[in-house]
N, C-alpha and C. Protein backbone atom coordinates (compact mmCIF):
# COMPACT_ATOMS: atom_id res chain seq x y z
N MET A 1 0.86 -1.20 0.12
CA MET A 1 0.11 0.03 0.10
C MET A 1 0.78 1.17 -0.05
N PRO A 2 2.07 1.41 0.71
CA PRO A 2 2.59 2.51 0.95
C PRO A 2 3.27 2.73 -0.55
N SER A 3 3.69 1.92 -1.54
CA SER A 3 4.39 2.13 -2.76
C SER A 3 3.49 2.40 -3.54
N ARG A 4 2.03 2.07 -3.60
CA ARG A 4 0.95 2.51 -4.43
C ARG A 4 0.64 4.31 -3.93
N LEU A 5 0.90 4.72 -2.62
CA LEU A 5 0.65 5.53 -2.44
C LEU A 5 1.86 6.57 -2.99
N LEU A 6 3.14 6.20 -2.53
CA LEU A 6 3.95 6.90 -3.21
C LEU A 6 3.85 7.10 -4.89
N ALA A 7 3.38 6.29 -5.54
CA ALA A 7 3.31 6.24 -7.06
C ALA A 7 2.09 7.35 -7.24
N LEU A 8 1.11 7.43 -6.59
CA LEU A 8 0.12 8.34 -6.62
C LEU A 8 0.54 9.62 -6.47
N THR A 9 1.61 9.85 -5.46
CA THR A 9 2.15 11.31 -5.03
C THR A 9 3.09 11.69 -5.97
N ILE A 10 3.83 10.89 -6.55
CA ILE A 10 4.75 11.08 -7.80
C ILE A 10 3.96 11.56 -9.22
N THR A 11 3.00 10.57 -9.31
CA THR A 11 2.10 11.20 -10.78
C THR A 11 1.23 12.31 -10.43
N ALA A 12 0.88 12.65 -9.55
CA ALA A 12 -0.01 13.88 -9.30
C ALA A 12 1.23 15.15 -9.09
N ALA A 13 2.47 14.73 -8.60
CA ALA A 13 3.52 15.92 -8.61
C ALA A 13 4.01 16.18 -10.13
N VAL A 14 3.90 14.98 -10.98
CA VAL A 14 4.24 15.15 -12.26
C VAL A 14 3.20 15.71 -13.07
N ALA A 15 2.12 15.54 -12.69
CA ALA A 15 0.77 16.15 -13.43
C ALA A 15 0.59 17.66 -13.00
N LEU A 16 1.26 18.06 -11.77
CA LEU A 16 1.21 19.59 -11.40
C LEU A 16 2.42 20.27 -11.88
N GLY A 17 3.18 19.51 -12.26
CA GLY A 17 4.46 20.40 -13.02
C GLY A 17 5.48 20.68 -11.66
N VAL A 18 5.47 19.87 -10.57
CA VAL A 18 6.37 20.22 -9.49
C VAL A 18 7.59 19.25 -9.28
N ALA A 19 7.43 18.50 -9.90
CA ALA A 19 8.73 17.54 -9.69
C ALA A 19 9.27 17.05 -11.19
N GLY A 20 10.60 18.00 -11.04
CA GLY A 20 11.42 17.82 -12.24
C GLY A 20 11.06 18.48 -13.60
N SER A 21 10.02 19.48 -13.70
CA SER A 21 9.78 20.07 -14.83
C SER A 21 9.92 21.67 -14.69
N ALA A 22 10.48 22.07 -15.55
CA ALA A 22 11.20 23.59 -15.85
C ALA A 22 9.79 24.49 -15.91
N SER A 23 8.79 23.98 -16.21
CA SER A 23 7.72 24.82 -16.18
C SER A 23 6.77 25.01 -15.47
N ALA A 24 6.15 25.84 -15.00
CA ALA A 24 4.75 26.10 -14.10
C ALA A 24 3.69 25.51 -14.84
N ALA A 25 2.59 24.94 -14.31
CA ALA A 25 1.61 24.13 -14.52
C ALA A 25 0.30 25.44 -14.16
N PRO A 26 -0.54 25.55 -14.83
CA PRO A 26 -1.65 26.53 -14.73
C PRO A 26 -2.04 26.39 -13.54
N GLY A 27 -2.22 27.71 -12.82
CA GLY A 27 -2.45 27.80 -11.44
C GLY A 27 -1.43 27.85 -10.33
N ASP A 28 -0.23 27.58 -10.58
CA ASP A 28 0.99 27.70 -9.98
C ASP A 28 1.37 28.94 -9.73
N LEU A 29 2.01 29.30 -8.54
CA LEU A 29 2.63 30.74 -8.61
C LEU A 29 3.41 30.83 -9.46
N ASP A 30 3.73 32.09 -10.17
CA ASP A 30 5.00 32.39 -10.93
C ASP A 30 6.04 33.20 -10.39
N THR A 31 7.17 32.10 -9.90
CA THR A 31 7.73 32.59 -9.00
C THR A 31 9.29 33.76 -9.79
N SER A 32 8.79 34.01 -11.10
CA SER A 32 9.87 34.74 -11.80
C SER A 32 9.15 36.32 -11.45
N PHE A 33 7.85 36.44 -11.02
CA PHE A 33 7.44 37.76 -10.80
C PHE A 33 7.45 38.12 -9.14
N THR A 34 7.93 39.07 -9.45
CA THR A 34 8.60 39.51 -8.09
C THR A 34 7.85 40.82 -7.71
N PRO A 35 6.49 41.07 -7.20
CA PRO A 35 6.14 42.49 -6.87
C PRO A 35 6.48 42.88 -6.12
N PRO A 36 6.12 44.63 -5.83
CA PRO A 36 7.08 45.41 -4.94
C PRO A 36 6.10 45.25 -3.79
N ALA A 37 6.88 45.66 -2.73
CA ALA A 37 6.26 45.74 -1.45
C ALA A 37 5.42 47.03 -1.25
N LEU A 38 4.20 47.29 -1.21
CA LEU A 38 3.31 48.47 -1.22
C LEU A 38 2.75 48.75 0.32
N ASN A 39 2.89 50.16 0.56
CA ASN A 39 1.92 50.22 1.89
C ASN A 39 0.46 50.47 1.93
N GLY A 40 -0.13 50.11 0.52
CA GLY A 40 -1.65 50.66 0.24
C GLY A 40 -2.02 49.38 -0.58
N SER A 41 -3.45 49.53 -1.10
CA SER A 41 -4.12 48.44 -1.97
C SER A 41 -3.52 48.79 -3.46
N VAL A 42 -3.99 47.87 -4.31
CA VAL A 42 -3.94 47.97 -5.77
C VAL A 42 -5.42 48.05 -6.11
N PHE A 43 -5.67 49.09 -6.92
CA PHE A 43 -7.30 48.95 -7.36
C PHE A 43 -7.25 48.42 -8.88
N SER A 44 -6.42 48.58 -9.60
CA SER A 44 -6.57 48.62 -10.90
C SER A 44 -5.10 48.26 -11.71
N ILE A 45 -5.19 47.62 -12.91
CA ILE A 45 -3.95 46.90 -13.29
C ILE A 45 -4.61 46.95 -14.81
N ALA A 46 -3.27 47.53 -15.40
CA ALA A 46 -3.36 47.36 -17.04
C ALA A 46 -2.11 46.67 -17.50
N GLU A 47 -2.53 45.58 -18.33
CA GLU A 47 -1.36 44.96 -19.01
C GLU A 47 -1.19 45.56 -20.47
N LEU A 48 0.07 46.06 -20.44
CA LEU A 48 0.59 46.68 -21.61
C LEU A 48 1.07 45.92 -22.74
N THR A 49 1.16 46.10 -24.15
CA THR A 49 1.27 45.71 -25.12
C THR A 49 2.94 45.14 -24.96
N SER A 50 3.91 46.07 -24.02
CA SER A 50 5.12 45.69 -24.06
C SER A 50 5.44 44.51 -22.91
N GLY A 51 4.30 44.18 -22.28
CA GLY A 51 4.69 43.20 -21.45
C GLY A 51 4.44 43.69 -19.92
N LYS A 52 4.57 44.97 -20.02
CA LYS A 52 4.58 45.50 -18.51
C LYS A 52 3.39 45.75 -18.05
N TYR A 53 3.11 46.43 -16.91
CA TYR A 53 1.94 46.39 -16.12
C TYR A 53 1.95 47.76 -15.55
N LEU A 54 0.72 48.83 -15.58
CA LEU A 54 0.72 49.97 -15.13
C LEU A 54 -0.53 49.42 -13.84
N ILE A 55 0.01 49.79 -12.38
CA ILE A 55 -0.79 49.84 -11.50
C ILE A 55 -1.29 51.15 -10.63
N ALA A 56 -2.42 50.92 -10.23
CA ALA A 56 -2.97 52.22 -9.27
C ALA A 56 -3.74 51.78 -8.28
N GLY A 57 -3.42 52.61 -7.15
CA GLY A 57 -4.31 52.35 -5.72
C GLY A 57 -3.89 53.47 -4.85
N SER A 58 -4.01 53.06 -3.61
CA SER A 58 -3.64 53.70 -2.32
C SER A 58 -2.39 53.83 -2.04
N PHE A 59 -1.34 53.10 -2.65
CA PHE A 59 -0.10 53.11 -2.11
C PHE A 59 0.89 54.46 -2.36
N THR A 60 1.56 54.62 -1.43
CA THR A 60 2.61 55.88 -1.46
C THR A 60 3.93 55.64 -1.01
N ASP A 61 4.37 54.45 -0.98
CA ASP A 61 5.67 53.93 -0.44
C ASP A 61 6.88 53.87 -1.63
N ALA A 62 8.11 54.06 -1.25
CA ALA A 62 8.96 53.51 -2.35
C ALA A 62 9.35 54.28 -3.56
N GLY A 63 8.76 55.60 -3.47
CA GLY A 63 8.99 56.30 -4.91
C GLY A 63 7.61 56.17 -5.78
N TYR A 64 6.54 55.39 -5.13
CA TYR A 64 5.11 55.43 -5.99
C TYR A 64 4.24 56.48 -5.45
N ALA A 65 3.38 56.76 -6.18
CA ALA A 65 2.65 57.61 -5.62
C ALA A 65 1.09 57.45 -6.35
N HIS A 66 0.50 56.60 -5.83
CA HIS A 66 -0.47 56.12 -6.15
C HIS A 66 -0.77 55.23 -7.52
N ALA A 67 0.51 55.37 -8.49
CA ALA A 67 0.31 54.71 -9.92
C ALA A 67 1.69 54.80 -9.85
N ALA A 68 1.92 53.61 -10.65
CA ALA A 68 3.53 52.95 -11.17
C ALA A 68 3.39 51.86 -12.42
N ARG A 69 4.68 52.15 -12.81
CA ARG A 69 4.55 51.18 -14.24
C ARG A 69 5.62 50.08 -13.91
N LEU A 70 5.30 48.80 -13.77
CA LEU A 70 5.99 47.67 -13.45
C LEU A 70 6.52 46.74 -14.66
N ASN A 71 8.16 46.52 -14.69
CA ASN A 71 8.53 45.64 -15.55
C ASN A 71 7.55 44.19 -15.61
N SER A 72 7.94 43.15 -16.45
CA SER A 72 7.23 42.09 -16.52
C SER A 72 7.63 41.19 -15.65
N ASP A 73 8.53 41.47 -15.02
CA ASP A 73 8.97 40.64 -13.72
C ASP A 73 8.55 40.95 -12.30
N GLY A 74 7.77 42.50 -12.25
CA GLY A 74 7.09 42.63 -11.24
C GLY A 74 7.99 43.95 -10.73
N THR A 75 9.23 43.74 -11.02
CA THR A 75 10.13 45.34 -10.48
C THR A 75 9.61 46.49 -10.97
N ARG A 76 10.02 47.59 -10.58
CA ARG A 76 9.53 48.91 -10.79
C ARG A 76 10.21 49.42 -11.95
N ASP A 77 9.53 49.67 -13.02
CA ASP A 77 9.91 50.47 -14.25
C ASP A 77 10.29 51.94 -14.11
N THR A 78 11.63 52.25 -13.62
CA THR A 78 12.07 53.45 -13.04
C THR A 78 12.15 54.54 -14.22
N SER A 79 12.10 54.14 -15.68
CA SER A 79 11.92 54.86 -16.74
C SER A 79 10.85 55.63 -16.82
N VAL A 80 9.73 55.54 -16.24
CA VAL A 80 8.36 56.26 -16.00
C VAL A 80 8.44 56.82 -14.65
N THR A 81 8.08 57.94 -14.77
CA THR A 81 7.56 58.93 -13.45
C THR A 81 6.14 59.39 -13.09
N PRO A 82 5.29 58.43 -12.98
CA PRO A 82 4.04 58.97 -12.87
C PRO A 82 3.89 60.34 -11.83
N PRO A 83 2.93 61.28 -12.06
CA PRO A 83 2.81 62.41 -11.14
C PRO A 83 2.56 61.93 -9.47
N THR A 84 3.12 62.82 -8.78
CA THR A 84 2.77 62.61 -7.40
C THR A 84 1.23 63.17 -7.35
N LEU A 85 0.57 62.42 -6.68
CA LEU A 85 -1.09 62.77 -6.71
C LEU A 85 -1.31 62.89 -4.90
N ASN A 86 -2.50 63.58 -4.84
CA ASN A 86 -2.75 63.79 -3.29
C ASN A 86 -3.74 62.80 -2.83
N SER A 87 -4.23 62.00 -3.85
CA SER A 87 -4.99 61.22 -3.42
C SER A 87 -5.31 59.88 -4.25
N TRP A 88 -5.88 58.74 -4.08
CA TRP A 88 -5.85 57.47 -4.75
C TRP A 88 -6.16 57.78 -6.21
N VAL A 89 -5.60 56.91 -7.05
CA VAL A 89 -6.12 56.26 -8.29
C VAL A 89 -6.83 55.13 -8.38
N ARG A 90 -8.06 55.42 -8.73
CA ARG A 90 -9.06 53.98 -8.66
C ARG A 90 -9.03 53.01 -10.11
N SER A 91 -8.64 53.76 -11.25
CA SER A 91 -8.70 53.02 -12.44
C SER A 91 -7.71 53.59 -13.42
N VAL A 92 -7.19 52.46 -14.14
CA VAL A 92 -6.13 52.96 -15.17
C VAL A 92 -6.33 52.27 -16.73
N ALA A 93 -6.30 52.97 -17.46
CA ALA A 93 -6.53 52.51 -18.87
C ALA A 93 -5.11 52.59 -20.03
N ALA A 94 -4.57 51.53 -20.69
CA ALA A 94 -3.61 51.61 -21.32
C ALA A 94 -4.47 52.39 -22.67
N LEU A 95 -3.53 53.09 -23.42
CA LEU A 95 -4.21 53.83 -24.47
C LEU A 95 -2.95 53.74 -25.44
N THR A 96 -3.21 53.85 -26.93
CA THR A 96 -2.40 53.26 -28.06
C THR A 96 -1.50 54.73 -27.89
N GLY A 97 -0.15 54.37 -28.42
CA GLY A 97 0.81 55.58 -28.15
C GLY A 97 1.68 55.60 -27.14
N GLY A 98 1.14 54.46 -25.97
CA GLY A 98 1.90 54.28 -24.81
C GLY A 98 1.41 55.13 -24.21
N LYS A 99 0.36 55.88 -24.05
CA LYS A 99 -0.33 57.01 -22.92
C LYS A 99 -1.30 55.83 -22.08
N TYR A 100 -1.56 56.64 -21.06
CA TYR A 100 -2.47 56.08 -19.90
C TYR A 100 -3.20 56.97 -19.68
N LEU A 101 -4.68 56.58 -19.48
CA LEU A 101 -5.63 57.17 -18.47
C LEU A 101 -5.98 56.68 -17.29
N ILE A 102 -5.92 57.85 -16.47
CA ILE A 102 -6.23 57.48 -14.97
C ILE A 102 -7.42 58.14 -14.44
N GLY A 103 -8.15 57.39 -13.50
CA GLY A 103 -9.08 58.36 -12.55
C GLY A 103 -9.04 57.78 -11.31
N GLY A 104 -9.47 58.76 -10.52
CA GLY A 104 -9.62 58.41 -8.67
C GLY A 104 -10.16 59.75 -8.41
N THR A 105 -9.58 59.88 -7.10
CA THR A 105 -10.21 60.90 -6.28
C THR A 105 -9.22 61.96 -6.19
N PHE A 106 -8.18 62.03 -6.90
CA PHE A 106 -7.05 62.81 -6.95
C PHE A 106 -7.30 64.34 -7.20
N THR A 107 -6.87 65.68 -6.84
CA THR A 107 -7.48 66.87 -6.97
C THR A 107 -6.51 68.09 -7.18
N ASP A 108 -5.37 67.59 -7.56
CA ASP A 108 -4.22 68.44 -7.23
C ASP A 108 -3.02 68.33 -8.89
N ALA A 109 -2.75 69.87 -8.67
CA ALA A 109 -1.27 70.02 -9.75
C ALA A 109 -1.97 69.77 -11.03
N GLY A 110 -2.94 70.37 -11.53
CA GLY A 110 -3.90 70.29 -12.67
C GLY A 110 -4.72 69.27 -12.89
N TYR A 111 -4.51 68.28 -12.01
CA TYR A 111 -5.15 67.13 -11.99
C TYR A 111 -6.33 66.98 -11.43
N VAL A 112 -7.81 66.68 -11.82
CA VAL A 112 -8.85 66.57 -11.54
C VAL A 112 -9.60 65.53 -11.61
N ARG A 113 -9.15 64.59 -10.68
CA ARG A 113 -10.13 63.01 -10.87
C ARG A 113 -9.89 62.23 -12.27
N VAL A 114 -9.41 63.05 -13.42
CA VAL A 114 -9.30 62.21 -14.46
C VAL A 114 -8.21 62.75 -15.30
N ALA A 115 -6.82 61.98 -15.57
CA ALA A 115 -6.17 62.39 -16.49
C ALA A 115 -5.38 61.66 -17.47
N ARG A 116 -4.87 62.14 -18.47
CA ARG A 116 -4.30 61.30 -19.38
C ARG A 116 -2.89 61.72 -19.19
N LEU A 117 -1.81 60.41 -19.19
CA LEU A 117 -0.31 60.64 -18.95
C LEU A 117 0.15 60.28 -20.42
N ASN A 118 1.43 61.02 -20.45
CA ASN A 118 2.05 60.37 -21.72
C ASN A 118 2.89 59.33 -21.11
N ALA A 119 3.63 58.52 -22.14
CA ALA A 119 4.49 57.46 -22.00
C ALA A 119 5.30 57.28 -20.81
N ASP A 120 5.99 58.54 -20.72
CA ASP A 120 7.06 58.77 -19.59
C ASP A 120 6.30 58.93 -18.17
N GLY A 121 5.20 59.20 -18.21
CA GLY A 121 4.37 59.31 -16.76
C GLY A 121 3.89 60.84 -16.81
N SER A 122 4.40 61.94 -17.45
CA SER A 122 3.93 63.09 -17.47
C SER A 122 2.76 63.85 -17.85
N ARG A 123 2.13 64.77 -17.57
CA ARG A 123 0.91 64.80 -17.89
C ARG A 123 0.64 65.34 -19.04
N ASP A 124 -0.22 64.60 -20.17
CA ASP A 124 -0.58 65.23 -21.23
C ASP A 124 -1.41 66.23 -21.23
N ALA A 125 -1.00 67.58 -21.49
CA ALA A 125 -1.50 68.81 -21.34
C ALA A 125 -2.56 68.93 -22.58
N SER A 126 -2.43 68.25 -23.76
CA SER A 126 -3.69 68.42 -24.69
C SER A 126 -5.16 67.66 -24.13
N PHE A 127 -4.72 67.01 -23.28
CA PHE A 127 -6.15 66.38 -22.55
C PHE A 127 -6.86 67.40 -21.53
N THR A 128 -8.01 67.98 -21.51
CA THR A 128 -8.54 68.69 -20.58
C THR A 128 -9.84 68.15 -20.49
N PRO A 129 -9.98 67.40 -19.45
CA PRO A 129 -11.46 66.72 -19.27
C PRO A 129 -12.11 68.11 -18.32
N PRO A 130 -13.54 67.58 -18.38
CA PRO A 130 -14.05 68.58 -17.52
C PRO A 130 -13.95 68.29 -16.15
N ASP A 131 -14.36 69.75 -15.18
CA ASP A 131 -14.31 69.26 -13.87
C ASP A 131 -15.36 68.38 -13.28
N LEU A 132 -14.88 67.74 -12.50
CA LEU A 132 -15.94 66.44 -11.78
C LEU A 132 -16.00 66.64 -10.14
N ASN A 133 -17.19 66.78 -10.09
CA ASN A 133 -17.13 67.05 -8.34
C ASN A 133 -16.97 65.88 -7.57
N ASN A 134 -16.83 64.61 -8.05
CA ASN A 134 -16.54 63.43 -7.17
C ASN A 134 -15.81 62.54 -7.96
N SER A 135 -15.78 61.44 -7.15
CA SER A 135 -14.38 60.37 -7.54
C SER A 135 -14.99 59.68 -8.91
N VAL A 136 -13.80 59.24 -9.55
CA VAL A 136 -13.95 58.60 -10.65
C VAL A 136 -13.42 57.08 -10.19
N TYR A 137 -14.25 56.19 -10.45
CA TYR A 137 -13.89 54.68 -10.12
C TYR A 137 -13.57 53.54 -11.19
N ALA A 138 -13.87 54.56 -12.64
CA ALA A 138 -13.63 53.41 -13.81
C ALA A 138 -13.05 54.33 -14.84
N VAL A 139 -12.07 54.16 -15.59
CA VAL A 139 -11.94 54.59 -16.86
C VAL A 139 -11.86 53.40 -17.84
N ALA A 140 -12.13 53.71 -19.38
CA ALA A 140 -12.21 52.92 -20.39
C ALA A 140 -11.55 53.45 -21.54
N ALA A 141 -10.67 52.91 -22.46
CA ALA A 141 -10.50 53.29 -23.87
C ALA A 141 -11.29 52.66 -24.70
N LEU A 142 -12.15 53.37 -25.68
CA LEU A 142 -13.13 52.93 -26.67
C LEU A 142 -12.15 52.77 -27.85
N SER A 143 -12.49 51.77 -28.95
CA SER A 143 -12.10 51.53 -29.95
C SER A 143 -11.76 52.98 -30.93
N ASP A 144 -12.83 53.74 -30.99
CA ASP A 144 -13.14 55.02 -31.69
C ASP A 144 -12.36 56.01 -31.14
N GLY A 145 -11.48 56.07 -30.07
CA GLY A 145 -10.33 57.07 -29.53
C GLY A 145 -10.95 57.82 -28.77
N LYS A 146 -12.24 57.51 -28.12
CA LYS A 146 -12.83 58.19 -26.84
C LYS A 146 -12.73 57.54 -25.70
N TYR A 147 -12.95 58.03 -24.68
CA TYR A 147 -12.89 57.24 -23.42
C TYR A 147 -14.64 57.41 -22.76
N LEU A 148 -14.79 56.40 -21.73
CA LEU A 148 -15.82 56.22 -20.84
C LEU A 148 -15.15 56.48 -19.39
N ILE A 149 -15.99 57.03 -18.75
CA ILE A 149 -15.54 57.26 -17.04
C ILE A 149 -16.67 57.13 -16.41
N GLY A 150 -16.37 56.54 -15.46
CA GLY A 150 -17.74 56.15 -14.34
C GLY A 150 -17.40 56.70 -13.17
N GLY A 151 -18.38 56.86 -12.38
CA GLY A 151 -18.33 56.93 -10.94
C GLY A 151 -19.18 58.18 -10.17
N PHE A 152 -18.76 59.38 -10.02
CA PHE A 152 -19.32 60.43 -9.42
C PHE A 152 -20.69 60.06 -8.56
N PRO A 153 -20.38 59.42 -7.66
CA PRO A 153 -21.73 59.12 -6.25
C PRO A 153 -22.95 60.05 -6.34
N THR A 154 -22.63 61.53 -6.28
CA THR A 154 -23.50 62.35 -6.02
C THR A 154 -23.94 63.35 -7.26
N ARG A 155 -23.50 62.89 -8.50
CA ARG A 155 -23.91 63.49 -9.83
C ARG A 155 -24.42 62.62 -10.54
N ASP A 156 -25.42 63.42 -11.43
CA ASP A 156 -25.77 62.24 -12.90
C ASP A 156 -25.60 63.28 -14.03
N PRO A 157 -24.94 62.80 -15.03
CA PRO A 157 -25.14 60.99 -15.02
C PRO A 157 -23.97 60.47 -14.48
N LYS A 158 -23.86 59.22 -13.95
CA LYS A 158 -22.90 58.51 -13.50
C LYS A 158 -21.79 57.95 -14.46
N LEU A 159 -22.23 58.01 -15.83
CA LEU A 159 -21.24 57.16 -16.85
C LEU A 159 -21.03 58.36 -18.01
N VAL A 160 -20.03 58.82 -18.08
CA VAL A 160 -19.62 60.21 -19.32
C VAL A 160 -18.68 59.71 -20.21
N ARG A 161 -19.14 60.19 -21.34
CA ARG A 161 -17.83 59.84 -22.72
C ARG A 161 -17.31 60.85 -23.13
N LEU A 162 -15.85 60.90 -23.11
CA LEU A 162 -15.16 61.80 -23.31
C LEU A 162 -14.65 61.85 -24.89
N ASN A 163 -14.39 62.71 -25.56
CA ASN A 163 -13.93 62.83 -26.82
C ASN A 163 -12.13 62.83 -26.51
N SER A 164 -11.53 62.55 -27.32
CA SER A 164 -9.95 62.01 -27.44
C SER A 164 -9.40 63.25 -26.73
N ASP A 165 -9.75 64.50 -26.67
CA ASP A 165 -9.24 65.78 -26.10
C ASP A 165 -9.60 66.15 -24.54
N GLY A 166 -10.50 65.27 -24.23
CA GLY A 166 -11.19 65.34 -23.01
C GLY A 166 -12.35 65.91 -22.86
N SER A 167 -13.01 66.56 -23.59
CA SER A 167 -14.40 67.41 -23.45
C SER A 167 -15.29 66.43 -23.64
N PRO A 168 -16.49 66.66 -23.08
CA PRO A 168 -17.38 65.65 -23.15
C PRO A 168 -18.24 65.30 -24.32
N ASP A 169 -18.40 64.30 -24.37
CA ASP A 169 -19.17 64.07 -25.74
C ASP A 169 -20.53 63.82 -25.99
N MET A 170 -21.14 64.73 -25.87
CA MET A 170 -22.45 65.02 -25.90
C MET A 170 -23.33 65.04 -26.89
N PRO A 171 -24.67 64.40 -27.14
CA PRO A 171 -25.21 64.23 -27.97
C PRO A 171 -25.90 65.65 -28.40
């Protein structure tokens, strides 16, 4: 009986990719990815075409200010410097041309709850969104070059479509 149990254990280990296998099986922890230690939560992640990631949340430590770009292995991409914001970034979207759209509760340095960032993390001054009176919880890039932003718990409508320059897309 012990040899049958050993055979079942070895079979299960091989099937799971944990005995003598160089590749991980689906569901296994990817040990090649080392995420940064953060002092707050991550609310949104956008996978970029380069294999990197844009993350956003409430974290403010280790040079991060509510948003950061990570390399494919989880280390911080120091070639990008997102702005230092006074409050959380709730949502991120990757845009064409390496730009990013961010939304949240921030209200400083020319950023009012939604902003478009250049590939290097600087503010895209050609994007001028409307003043919003409350938090943005979701941002999305549309295939026609426009954006959807959602949130605004104390205002109607709760969902707004913006043109590529940030102006409201009104019917």
